[in-house]
Every structure is written in C-alpha cells, then in structure tokens.
C-alpha cells in the first residue's frame, strides 16, 4: 500500500524531469533560433541600407574623378609639375618632356625637305 507521504517512484520522477527539461530546452532552442534570425535580419538591413552606400578607399579620398594621362608623343620626362594626389585642372601642364630628340628629328626632316626641293628644282 502506498501512503500519501511516500516519495514518488523513480519512473514518475524520470518522466517529470524529462517533461520538465524538454519544454525549457525547446523554448531555449526556439529563442536562440529567433535571436539568430533577428541578428541576421538586422545585419542584412544594415548592410543593405547603411553600409551599401558607403565608399571606402585605402587613402581616404572618396569623391574623385580619375583620368588616364597618355602622351601624344614618346619622350623622356624633363620635369614634373604636379605632385601625387594633387588636384589638377583642364589644360594644366602636368609634366614637360625633353624635346631634344624632337628638335633633332625636326631638323632632320627640314633638311630632307630642303634636299627634296633642290632636287625638284633641278628637274
């Protein structure tokens, strides 16, 4: 016979513990999943609406137009008129090329032209 003051049996104790832990563990897992989903949603919103509009550079310059500078003729650089990252304007001289080779080529072309004119006059 069982009296009212006897301790519960081991089987009923195990089911109480098992049912007692499962709802709290389940609630904990659901809470964790909701927290992870909320953190993911917040991160996505921040990355899309806030960080997506930011521009970052290594040298801290953000709003800059960059243009390629290409020479019309080849030659050795005689002097550089601007420094790195300096703001420049349209038609500003950026560098000067050494014109010795160009002057020699021009003088040779003039000499060839003069020689050709003399030959034409002799005909």
C-alpha atoms as a PDB file:
ATOM      1  CA  UNK A   1       0.000   0.000   0.000  1.00  0.00           C
ATOM      2  CA  UNK A   2       1.030   3.412  -0.725  1.00  0.00           C
ATOM      3  CA  UNK A   3       0.565   6.158   1.764  1.00  0.00           C
ATOM      4  CA  UNK A   4       0.315   9.845   0.850  1.00  0.00           C
ATOM      5  CA  UNK A   5       3.697  10.684   2.306  1.00  0.00           C
ATOM      6  CA  UNK A   6       5.723   8.211   0.330  1.00  0.00           C
ATOM      7  CA  UNK A   7       8.203   9.602  -2.213  1.00  0.00           C
ATOM      8  CA  UNK A   8       7.216   9.270  -5.868  1.00  0.00           C
ATOM      9  CA  UNK A   9       8.573   6.313  -7.729  1.00  0.00           C
ATOM     10  CA  UNK A  10      11.653   6.543  -9.936  1.00  0.00           C
ATOM     11  CA  UNK A  11       9.573   6.093 -13.098  1.00  0.00           C
ATOM     12  CA  UNK A  12       7.315   9.047 -12.341  1.00  0.00           C
ATOM     13  CA  UNK A  13      10.385  11.089 -11.304  1.00  0.00           C
ATOM     14  CA  UNK A  14      12.081  10.383 -14.655  1.00  0.00           C
ATOM     15  CA  UNK A  15       9.020  11.420 -16.671  1.00  0.00           C
ATOM     16  CA  UNK A  16       8.677  14.645 -14.678  1.00  0.00           C
ATOM     17  CA  UNK A  17      12.320  15.500 -15.251  1.00  0.00           C
ATOM     18  CA  UNK A  18      12.091  14.561 -18.899  1.00  0.00           C
ATOM     19  CA  UNK A  19       8.954  16.574 -19.474  1.00  0.00           C
ATOM     20  CA  UNK A  20      10.320  19.378 -17.302  1.00  0.00           C
ATOM     21  CA  UNK A  21      13.530  19.716 -19.354  1.00  0.00           C
ATOM     22  CA  UNK A  22      12.066  19.282 -22.804  1.00  0.00           C
ATOM     23  CA  UNK A  23       9.809  22.355 -22.780  1.00  0.00           C
ATOM     24  CA  UNK A  24      12.561  24.565 -21.332  1.00  0.00           C
ATOM     25  CA  UNK A  25      15.160  23.188 -23.768  1.00  0.00           C
ATOM     26  CA  UNK A  26      12.704  23.581 -26.635  1.00  0.00           C
ATOM     27  CA  UNK A  27      11.947  27.146 -25.586  1.00  0.00           C
ATOM     28  CA  UNK A  28      15.658  27.834 -25.315  1.00  0.00           C
ATOM     29  CA  UNK A  29      16.318  26.486 -28.816  1.00  0.00           C
ATOM     30  CA  UNK A  30      13.393  28.444 -30.267  1.00  0.00           C
ATOM     31  CA  UNK A  31      14.619  31.585 -28.519  1.00  0.00           C
ATOM     32  CA  UNK A  32      18.127  31.002 -29.848  1.00  0.00           C
ATOM     33  CA  UNK A  33      16.820  30.455 -33.389  1.00  0.00           C
ATOM     34  CA  UNK A  34      14.721  33.621 -33.177  1.00  0.00           C
ATOM     35  CA  UNK A  35      17.720  35.579 -31.861  1.00  0.00           C
ATOM     36  CA  UNK A  36      19.959  34.300 -34.678  1.00  0.00           C
ATOM     37  CA  UNK A  37      17.282  35.123 -37.261  1.00  0.00           C
ATOM     38  CA  UNK A  38      16.807  38.601 -35.778  1.00  0.00           C
ATOM     39  CA  UNK A  39      20.557  39.274 -35.747  1.00  0.00           C
ATOM     40  CA  UNK A  40      20.787  38.066 -39.349  1.00  0.00           C
ATOM     41  CA  UNK A  41      17.890  40.285 -40.372  1.00  0.00           C
ATOM     42  CA  UNK A  42      19.422  43.300 -38.626  1.00  0.00           C
ATOM     43  CA  UNK A  43      22.794  42.646 -40.263  1.00  0.00           C
ATOM     44  CA  UNK A  44      21.178  42.309 -43.697  1.00  0.00           C
ATOM     45  CA  UNK A  45      19.241  45.551 -43.194  1.00  0.00           C
ATOM     46  CA  UNK A  46      22.357  47.409 -42.071  1.00  0.00           C
ATOM     47  CA  UNK A  47      24.449  46.035 -44.942  1.00  0.00           C
ATOM     48  CA  UNK A  48      21.756  46.845 -47.499  1.00  0.00           C
ATOM     49  CA  UNK A  49      20.566  50.260 -46.369  1.00  0.00           C
ATOM     50  CA  UNK A  50      23.514  51.742 -44.474  1.00  0.00           C
ATOM     51  CA  UNK A  51      26.807  50.138 -45.461  1.00  0.00           C
ATOM     52  CA  UNK A  52      25.789  49.608 -49.088  1.00  0.00           C
ATOM     53  CA  UNK A  53      26.003  53.348 -49.730  1.00  0.00           C
ATOM     54  CA  UNK A  54      29.435  53.825 -48.217  1.00  0.00           C
ATOM     55  CA  UNK A  55      32.583  54.054 -50.285  1.00  0.00           C
ATOM     56  CA  UNK A  56      35.871  53.167 -48.691  1.00  0.00           C
ATOM     57  CA  UNK A  57      39.347  53.663 -50.029  1.00  0.00           C
ATOM     58  CA  UNK A  58      42.808  52.958 -48.770  1.00  0.00           C
ATOM     59  CA  UNK A  59      43.948  56.568 -48.922  1.00  0.00           C
ATOM     60  CA  UNK A  60      40.818  58.270 -47.510  1.00  0.00           C
ATOM     61  CA  UNK A  61      39.884  60.061 -50.738  1.00  0.00           C
ATOM     62  CA  UNK A  62      36.319  59.267 -51.708  1.00  0.00           C
ATOM     63  CA  UNK A  63      34.843  61.637 -54.298  1.00  0.00           C
ATOM     64  CA  UNK A  64      37.414  61.834 -57.061  1.00  0.00           C
ATOM     65  CA  UNK A  65      37.393  61.662 -60.814  1.00  0.00           C
ATOM     66  CA  UNK A  66      40.269  59.691 -62.212  1.00  0.00           C
ATOM     67  CA  UNK A  67      41.525  60.039 -65.758  1.00  0.00           C
ATOM     68  CA  UNK A  68      44.267  58.258 -67.626  1.00  0.00           C
ATOM     69  CA  UNK A  69      47.063  60.510 -68.803  1.00  0.00           C
ATOM     70  CA  UNK A  70      48.585  59.342 -72.064  1.00  0.00           C
ATOM     71  CA  UNK A  71      51.221  61.176 -74.076  1.00  0.00           C
ATOM     72  CA  UNK A  72      50.690  62.145 -77.693  1.00  0.00           C
ATOM     73  CA  UNK A  73      54.406  61.595 -78.349  1.00  0.00           C
ATOM     74  CA  UNK A  74      57.038  59.490 -76.654  1.00  0.00           C
ATOM     75  CA  UNK A  75      59.937  61.103 -74.874  1.00  0.00           C
ATOM     76  CA  UNK A  76      61.938  61.379 -71.702  1.00  0.00           C
ATOM     77  CA  UNK A  77      60.380  63.381 -68.871  1.00  0.00           C
ATOM     78  CA  UNK A  78      62.236  66.633 -68.257  1.00  0.00           C
ATOM     79  CA  UNK A  79      60.210  67.913 -65.283  1.00  0.00           C
ATOM     80  CA  UNK A  80      57.061  67.039 -63.361  1.00  0.00           C
ATOM     81  CA  UNK A  81      54.841  69.997 -62.498  1.00  0.00           C
ATOM     82  CA  UNK A  82      52.406  68.316 -60.061  1.00  0.00           C
ATOM     83  CA  UNK A  83      52.679  66.023 -57.060  1.00  0.00           C
ATOM     84  CA  UNK A  84      50.896  62.777 -56.246  1.00  0.00           C
ATOM     85  CA  UNK A  85      47.199  63.272 -55.268  1.00  0.00           C
ATOM     86  CA  UNK A  86      47.335  66.979 -56.169  1.00  0.00           C
ATOM     87  CA  UNK A  87      44.171  68.400 -57.712  1.00  0.00           C
ATOM     88  CA  UNK A  88      44.666  69.359 -61.354  1.00  0.00           C
ATOM     89  CA  UNK A  89      42.589  71.335 -63.829  1.00  0.00           C
ATOM     90  CA  UNK A  90      41.810  71.026 -67.503  1.00  0.00           C
ATOM     91  CA  UNK A  91      44.687  72.158 -69.759  1.00  0.00           C
ATOM     92  CA  UNK A  92      47.111  72.343 -66.814  1.00  0.00           C
ATOM     93  CA  UNK A  93      50.677  71.301 -67.651  1.00  0.00           C
ATOM     94  CA  UNK A  94      51.405  68.122 -65.712  1.00  0.00           C
ATOM     95  CA  UNK A  95      54.905  67.432 -66.976  1.00  0.00           C
ATOM     96  CA  UNK A  96      57.401  68.586 -69.561  1.00  0.00           C
ATOM     97  CA  UNK A  97      59.017  66.199 -71.994  1.00  0.00           C
ATOM     98  CA  UNK A  98      62.637  66.575 -73.054  1.00  0.00           C
ATOM     99  CA  UNK A  99      62.397  67.979 -76.583  1.00  0.00           C
ATOM    100  CA  UNK A 100      65.993  67.384 -77.735  1.00  0.00           C
ATOM    101  CA  UNK A 101      65.057  64.272 -79.727  1.00  0.00           C
ATOM    102  CA  UNK A 102      62.046  66.023 -81.249  1.00  0.00           C
ATOM    103  CA  UNK A 103      64.165  69.042 -82.271  1.00  0.00           C
ATOM    104  CA  UNK A 104      66.766  66.764 -83.873  1.00  0.00           C
ATOM    105  CA  UNK A 105      64.052  64.860 -85.755  1.00  0.00           C
ATOM    106  CA  UNK A 106      62.505  68.156 -86.882  1.00  0.00           C
ATOM    107  CA  UNK A 107      65.873  69.470 -88.103  1.00  0.00           C
ATOM    108  CA  UNK A 108      66.475  66.216 -89.994  1.00  0.00           C
ATOM    109  CA  UNK A 109      63.009  66.452 -91.577  1.00  0.00           C
ATOM    110  CA  UNK A 110      63.653  70.076 -92.615  1.00  0.00           C
ATOM    111  CA  UNK A 111      66.980  69.069 -94.150  1.00  0.00           C
ATOM    112  CA  UNK A 112      65.290  66.245 -96.064  1.00  0.00           C
ATOM    113  CA  UNK A 113      62.590  68.653 -97.272  1.00  0.00           C
ATOM    114  CA  UNK A 114      65.192  71.187 -98.433  1.00  0.00           C
ATOM    115  CA  UNK A 115      67.107  68.457-100.259  1.00  0.00           C
ATOM    116  CA  UNK A 116      63.915  67.256-101.954  1.00  0.00           C
ATOM    117  CA  UNK A 117      63.044  70.827-103.048  1.00  0.00           C
ATOM    118  CA  UNK A 118      66.505  71.267-104.601  1.00  0.00           C
ATOM    119  CA  UNK A 119      66.091  68.008-106.480  1.00  0.00           C
ATOM    120  CA  UNK A 120      62.671  69.088-107.776  1.00  0.00           C
ATOM    121  CA  UNK A 121      64.071  72.458-108.978  1.00  0.00           C
ATOM    122  CA  UNK A 122      66.827  70.721-110.901  1.00  0.00           C
ATOM    123  CA  UNK A 123      64.332  68.681-112.887  1.00  0.00           C
END
